[in-house]
Amino acid sequence: MAELQMLLEEEIPAGRRALLDSFTNLERVADYCESNYVQSPDKHRALEETKDYTSQSLASVAYLINTLANNVLQMLDIQLLYSSLGICHSHREAGPGL
């Protein structure tokens, strides 16, 4: 039960906050890349930097989504387990007729 509580109260909300924070960070990266490209005398180098930042940013977001999705799946597995145990427990209490 403690693991489910930790997922519901800590891990999943923290993952959601991290995704929301990454949205703000992605906007900053996009603004920087645009400004850098416009101001840079070496457009090729600026474009390569933009590609690098884009790849890193997308990898970071993918990691956050994966972590959050795994936590949600783990929460659902635990809830299903508790639900199944509750059903089994109620069947045992009802006796052999069920």
N, C-alpha and C. Protein backbone atom coordinates (compact mmCIF):
# COMPACT_ATOMS: atom_id res chain seq x y z
N MET A 1 0.83 -1.19 0.00
CA MET A 1 0.00 0.00 0.00
C MET A 1 0.87 1.26 0.00
N ALA A 2 2.02 1.19 0.66
CA ALA A 2 2.92 2.35 0.74
C ALA A 2 3.46 2.71 -0.65
N GLU A 3 3.71 1.69 -1.46
CA GLU A 3 4.23 1.95 -2.81
C GLU A 3 3.19 2.69 -3.65
N LEU A 4 1.94 2.26 -3.55
CA LEU A 4 0.87 2.93 -4.28
C LEU A 4 0.71 4.37 -3.81
N GLN A 5 0.76 4.56 -2.52
CA GLN A 5 0.63 5.91 -1.97
C GLN A 5 1.78 6.80 -2.45
N MET A 6 2.99 6.25 -2.46
CA MET A 6 4.15 7.03 -2.92
C MET A 6 3.99 7.42 -4.40
N LEU A 7 3.51 6.48 -5.21
CA LEU A 7 3.29 6.78 -6.63
C LEU A 7 2.24 7.88 -6.80
N LEU A 8 1.13 7.75 -6.07
CA LEU A 8 0.03 8.70 -6.21
C LEU A 8 0.36 10.08 -5.66
N GLU A 9 1.09 10.11 -4.56
CA GLU A 9 1.33 11.38 -3.88
C GLU A 9 2.65 12.05 -4.25
N GLU A 10 3.62 11.26 -4.72
CA GLU A 10 4.94 11.83 -4.98
C GLU A 10 5.41 11.65 -6.42
N GLU A 11 5.57 10.40 -6.83
CA GLU A 11 6.22 10.11 -8.12
C GLU A 11 5.44 10.65 -9.32
N ILE A 12 4.16 10.36 -9.38
CA ILE A 12 3.37 10.80 -10.53
C ILE A 12 3.22 12.32 -10.57
N PRO A 13 2.87 12.98 -9.45
CA PRO A 13 2.83 14.45 -9.49
C PRO A 13 4.19 15.08 -9.84
N ALA A 14 5.27 14.50 -9.34
CA ALA A 14 6.61 15.03 -9.65
C ALA A 14 6.92 14.87 -11.14
N GLY A 15 6.53 13.74 -11.71
CA GLY A 15 6.73 13.52 -13.14
C GLY A 15 5.93 14.49 -13.99
N ARG A 16 4.72 14.76 -13.54
CA ARG A 16 3.87 15.73 -14.25
C ARG A 16 4.49 17.13 -14.18
N ARG A 17 4.97 17.50 -12.99
CA ARG A 17 5.61 18.81 -12.84
C ARG A 17 6.86 18.91 -13.72
N ALA A 18 7.62 17.83 -13.78
CA ALA A 18 8.83 17.83 -14.60
C ALA A 18 8.48 18.04 -16.08
N LEU A 19 7.40 17.42 -16.53
CA LEU A 19 6.98 17.62 -17.92
C LEU A 19 6.54 19.06 -18.16
N LEU A 20 5.82 19.63 -17.20
CA LEU A 20 5.41 21.03 -17.34
C LEU A 20 6.62 21.96 -17.35
N ASP A 21 7.60 21.66 -16.49
CA ASP A 21 8.84 22.45 -16.48
C ASP A 21 9.58 22.33 -17.80
N SER A 22 9.57 21.14 -18.37
CA SER A 22 10.29 20.94 -19.63
C SER A 22 9.65 21.75 -20.75
N PHE A 23 8.34 21.98 -20.66
CA PHE A 23 7.68 22.82 -21.66
C PHE A 23 8.29 24.22 -21.64
N THR A 24 8.46 24.77 -20.45
CA THR A 24 9.07 26.10 -20.31
C THR A 24 10.51 26.07 -20.82
N ASN A 25 11.24 25.03 -20.47
CA ASN A 25 12.63 24.92 -20.92
C ASN A 25 12.73 24.79 -22.44
N LEU A 26 11.80 24.06 -23.04
CA LEU A 26 11.81 23.92 -24.50
C LEU A 26 11.56 25.27 -25.18
N GLU A 27 10.69 26.06 -24.59
CA GLU A 27 10.46 27.40 -25.14
C GLU A 27 11.73 28.24 -25.08
N ARG A 28 12.45 28.14 -23.97
CA ARG A 28 13.71 28.89 -23.83
C ARG A 28 14.74 28.42 -24.85
N VAL A 29 14.84 27.12 -25.02
CA VAL A 29 15.79 26.57 -25.99
C VAL A 29 15.43 27.04 -27.40
N ALA A 30 14.15 27.01 -27.72
CA ALA A 30 13.71 27.46 -29.05
C ALA A 30 14.03 28.93 -29.26
N ASP A 31 13.77 29.74 -28.24
CA ASP A 31 14.08 31.17 -28.35
C ASP A 31 15.58 31.40 -28.54
N TYR A 32 16.38 30.67 -27.76
CA TYR A 32 17.84 30.81 -27.88
C TYR A 32 18.30 30.39 -29.28
N CYS A 33 17.81 29.25 -29.74
CA CYS A 33 18.25 28.75 -31.05
C CYS A 33 17.86 29.72 -32.17
N GLU A 34 16.67 30.26 -32.08
CA GLU A 34 16.24 31.22 -33.10
C GLU A 34 17.12 32.47 -33.08
N SER A 35 17.34 33.00 -31.89
CA SER A 35 18.17 34.20 -31.74
C SER A 35 19.60 33.93 -32.20
N ASN A 36 20.12 32.79 -31.79
CA ASN A 36 21.49 32.42 -32.15
C ASN A 36 21.63 32.30 -33.67
N TYR A 37 20.66 31.67 -34.31
CA TYR A 37 20.73 31.49 -35.76
C TYR A 37 20.68 32.84 -36.48
N VAL A 38 19.77 33.69 -36.03
CA VAL A 38 19.61 35.00 -36.68
C VAL A 38 20.88 35.84 -36.53
N GLN A 39 21.50 35.80 -35.36
CA GLN A 39 22.65 36.66 -35.07
C GLN A 39 23.99 36.07 -35.49
N SER A 40 24.02 34.78 -35.71
CA SER A 40 25.30 34.12 -35.99
C SER A 40 25.78 34.39 -37.42
N PRO A 41 27.06 34.71 -37.55
CA PRO A 41 27.62 34.87 -38.89
C PRO A 41 27.84 33.50 -39.56
N ASP A 42 27.98 32.45 -38.74
CA ASP A 42 28.20 31.10 -39.27
C ASP A 42 26.88 30.31 -39.14
N LYS A 43 26.06 30.41 -40.17
CA LYS A 43 24.72 29.79 -40.15
C LYS A 43 24.80 28.28 -40.04
N HIS A 44 25.79 27.69 -40.69
CA HIS A 44 25.93 26.23 -40.63
C HIS A 44 26.19 25.77 -39.20
N ARG A 45 27.09 26.44 -38.53
CA ARG A 45 27.41 26.09 -37.14
C ARG A 45 26.19 26.32 -36.24
N ALA A 46 25.49 27.41 -36.44
CA ALA A 46 24.29 27.71 -35.65
C ALA A 46 23.22 26.64 -35.87
N LEU A 47 23.09 26.19 -37.11
CA LEU A 47 22.13 25.13 -37.41
C LEU A 47 22.51 23.83 -36.73
N GLU A 48 23.80 23.50 -36.75
CA GLU A 48 24.27 22.29 -36.08
C GLU A 48 24.01 22.36 -34.56
N GLU A 49 24.24 23.53 -33.97
CA GLU A 49 23.94 23.71 -32.54
C GLU A 49 22.46 23.51 -32.28
N THR A 50 21.64 24.06 -33.16
CA THR A 50 20.19 23.91 -33.01
C THR A 50 19.79 22.44 -33.07
N LYS A 51 20.38 21.70 -34.00
CA LYS A 51 20.11 20.27 -34.10
C LYS A 51 20.50 19.55 -32.81
N ASP A 52 21.66 19.90 -32.27
CA ASP A 52 22.12 19.27 -31.03
C ASP A 52 21.18 19.56 -29.87
N TYR A 53 20.82 20.84 -29.71
CA TYR A 53 19.89 21.21 -28.64
C TYR A 53 18.54 20.53 -28.81
N THR A 54 18.08 20.46 -30.05
CA THR A 54 16.79 19.82 -30.33
C THR A 54 16.84 18.34 -29.95
N SER A 55 17.89 17.67 -30.35
CA SER A 55 18.03 16.24 -30.02
C SER A 55 18.08 16.01 -28.52
N GLN A 56 18.87 16.82 -27.83
CA GLN A 56 18.98 16.69 -26.37
C GLN A 56 17.64 16.97 -25.69
N SER A 57 16.96 18.00 -26.15
CA SER A 57 15.68 18.38 -25.55
C SER A 57 14.63 17.30 -25.76
N LEU A 58 14.56 16.78 -26.98
CA LEU A 58 13.59 15.72 -27.26
C LEU A 58 13.90 14.45 -26.49
N ALA A 59 15.17 14.13 -26.35
CA ALA A 59 15.54 12.96 -25.56
C ALA A 59 15.14 13.14 -24.10
N SER A 60 15.32 14.33 -23.59
CA SER A 60 14.93 14.62 -22.21
C SER A 60 13.43 14.48 -22.02
N VAL A 61 12.66 15.02 -22.95
CA VAL A 61 11.19 14.92 -22.85
C VAL A 61 10.76 13.46 -22.99
N ALA A 62 11.37 12.73 -23.90
CA ALA A 62 11.04 11.31 -24.07
C ALA A 62 11.33 10.54 -22.79
N TYR A 63 12.44 10.84 -22.13
CA TYR A 63 12.77 10.19 -20.87
C TYR A 63 11.72 10.50 -19.81
N LEU A 64 11.32 11.77 -19.71
CA LEU A 64 10.31 12.17 -18.72
C LEU A 64 8.98 11.48 -18.99
N ILE A 65 8.59 11.41 -20.25
CA ILE A 65 7.33 10.74 -20.61
C ILE A 65 7.42 9.26 -20.27
N ASN A 66 8.55 8.63 -20.59
CA ASN A 66 8.73 7.21 -20.29
C ASN A 66 8.66 6.95 -18.79
N THR A 67 9.32 7.78 -18.01
CA THR A 67 9.31 7.61 -16.55
C THR A 67 7.91 7.77 -16.00
N LEU A 68 7.20 8.80 -16.45
CA LEU A 68 5.84 9.03 -15.98
C LEU A 68 4.92 7.88 -16.41
N ALA A 69 5.04 7.44 -17.64
CA ALA A 69 4.22 6.33 -18.13
C ALA A 69 4.48 5.06 -17.34
N ASN A 70 5.74 4.78 -17.04
CA ASN A 70 6.07 3.60 -16.23
C ASN A 70 5.47 3.70 -14.84
N ASN A 71 5.51 4.89 -14.25
CA ASN A 71 4.91 5.07 -12.93
C ASN A 71 3.40 4.89 -12.97
N VAL A 72 2.76 5.39 -14.01
CA VAL A 72 1.30 5.22 -14.14
C VAL A 72 0.97 3.74 -14.33
N LEU A 73 1.73 3.04 -15.17
CA LEU A 73 1.50 1.61 -15.36
C LEU A 73 1.71 0.83 -14.06
N GLN A 74 2.73 1.19 -13.33
CA GLN A 74 2.99 0.53 -12.05
C GLN A 74 1.82 0.79 -11.08
N MET A 75 1.31 2.01 -11.06
CA MET A 75 0.17 2.35 -10.22
C MET A 75 -1.04 1.50 -10.61
N LEU A 76 -1.30 1.38 -11.91
CA LEU A 76 -2.43 0.59 -12.38
C LEU A 76 -2.26 -0.89 -12.04
N ASP A 77 -1.04 -1.40 -12.17
CA ASP A 77 -0.77 -2.79 -11.79
C ASP A 77 -1.06 -3.03 -10.31
N ILE A 78 -0.62 -2.12 -9.48
CA ILE A 78 -0.84 -2.25 -8.04
C ILE A 78 -2.33 -2.17 -7.73
N GLN A 79 -3.03 -1.23 -8.36
CA GLN A 79 -4.47 -1.10 -8.13
C GLN A 79 -5.19 -2.36 -8.59
N LEU A 80 -4.78 -2.92 -9.72
CA LEU A 80 -5.39 -4.15 -10.21
C LEU A 80 -5.13 -5.30 -9.24
N LEU A 81 -3.92 -5.37 -8.72
CA LEU A 81 -3.58 -6.41 -7.76
C LEU A 81 -4.45 -6.29 -6.51
N TYR A 82 -4.56 -5.07 -5.98
CA TYR A 82 -5.40 -4.86 -4.79
C TYR A 82 -6.86 -5.17 -5.09
N SER A 83 -7.31 -4.81 -6.25
CA SER A 83 -8.69 -5.09 -6.65
C SER A 83 -8.91 -6.60 -6.75
N SER A 84 -7.97 -7.31 -7.37
CA SER A 84 -8.08 -8.76 -7.49
C SER A 84 -8.05 -9.43 -6.14
N LEU A 85 -7.18 -8.97 -5.27
CA LEU A 85 -7.11 -9.54 -3.92
C LEU A 85 -8.41 -9.29 -3.17
N GLY A 86 -8.99 -8.13 -3.36
CA GLY A 86 -10.26 -7.82 -2.71
C GLY A 86 -11.37 -8.73 -3.20
N ILE A 87 -11.38 -9.01 -4.51
CA ILE A 87 -12.39 -9.90 -5.07
C ILE A 87 -12.17 -11.31 -4.56
N CYS A 88 -10.94 -11.78 -4.57
CA CYS A 88 -10.64 -13.13 -4.08
C CYS A 88 -11.00 -13.23 -2.61
N HIS A 89 -10.68 -12.21 -1.86
CA HIS A 89 -10.96 -12.20 -0.43
C HIS A 89 -12.47 -12.27 -0.19
N SER A 90 -13.26 -11.53 -0.95
CA SER A 90 -14.71 -11.55 -0.76
C SER A 90 -15.29 -12.89 -1.19
N HIS A 91 -14.69 -13.56 -2.18
CA HIS A 91 -15.16 -14.88 -2.58
C HIS A 91 -14.88 -15.90 -1.49
N ARG A 92 -13.74 -15.80 -0.84
CA ARG A 92 -13.43 -16.73 0.24
C ARG A 92 -14.37 -16.54 1.41
N GLU A 93 -14.72 -15.29 1.69
CA GLU A 93 -15.63 -15.03 2.80
C GLU A 93 -17.02 -15.54 2.50
N ALA A 94 -17.43 -15.52 1.23
CA ALA A 94 -18.77 -15.95 0.87
C ALA A 94 -18.92 -17.46 0.97
N GLY A 95 -17.83 -18.19 0.92
CA GLY A 95 -17.91 -19.63 1.06
C GLY A 95 -17.84 -20.35 -0.27
N PRO A 96 -17.91 -21.68 -0.24
CA PRO A 96 -17.71 -22.48 -1.44
C PRO A 96 -18.86 -22.40 -2.44
N GLY A 97 -19.98 -21.85 -2.08
CA GLY A 97 -21.12 -21.79 -2.99
C GLY A 97 -20.90 -20.85 -4.16
N LEU A 98 -19.94 -19.93 -4.09
CA LEU A 98 -19.71 -18.98 -5.18
C LEU A 98 -18.65 -19.44 -6.08
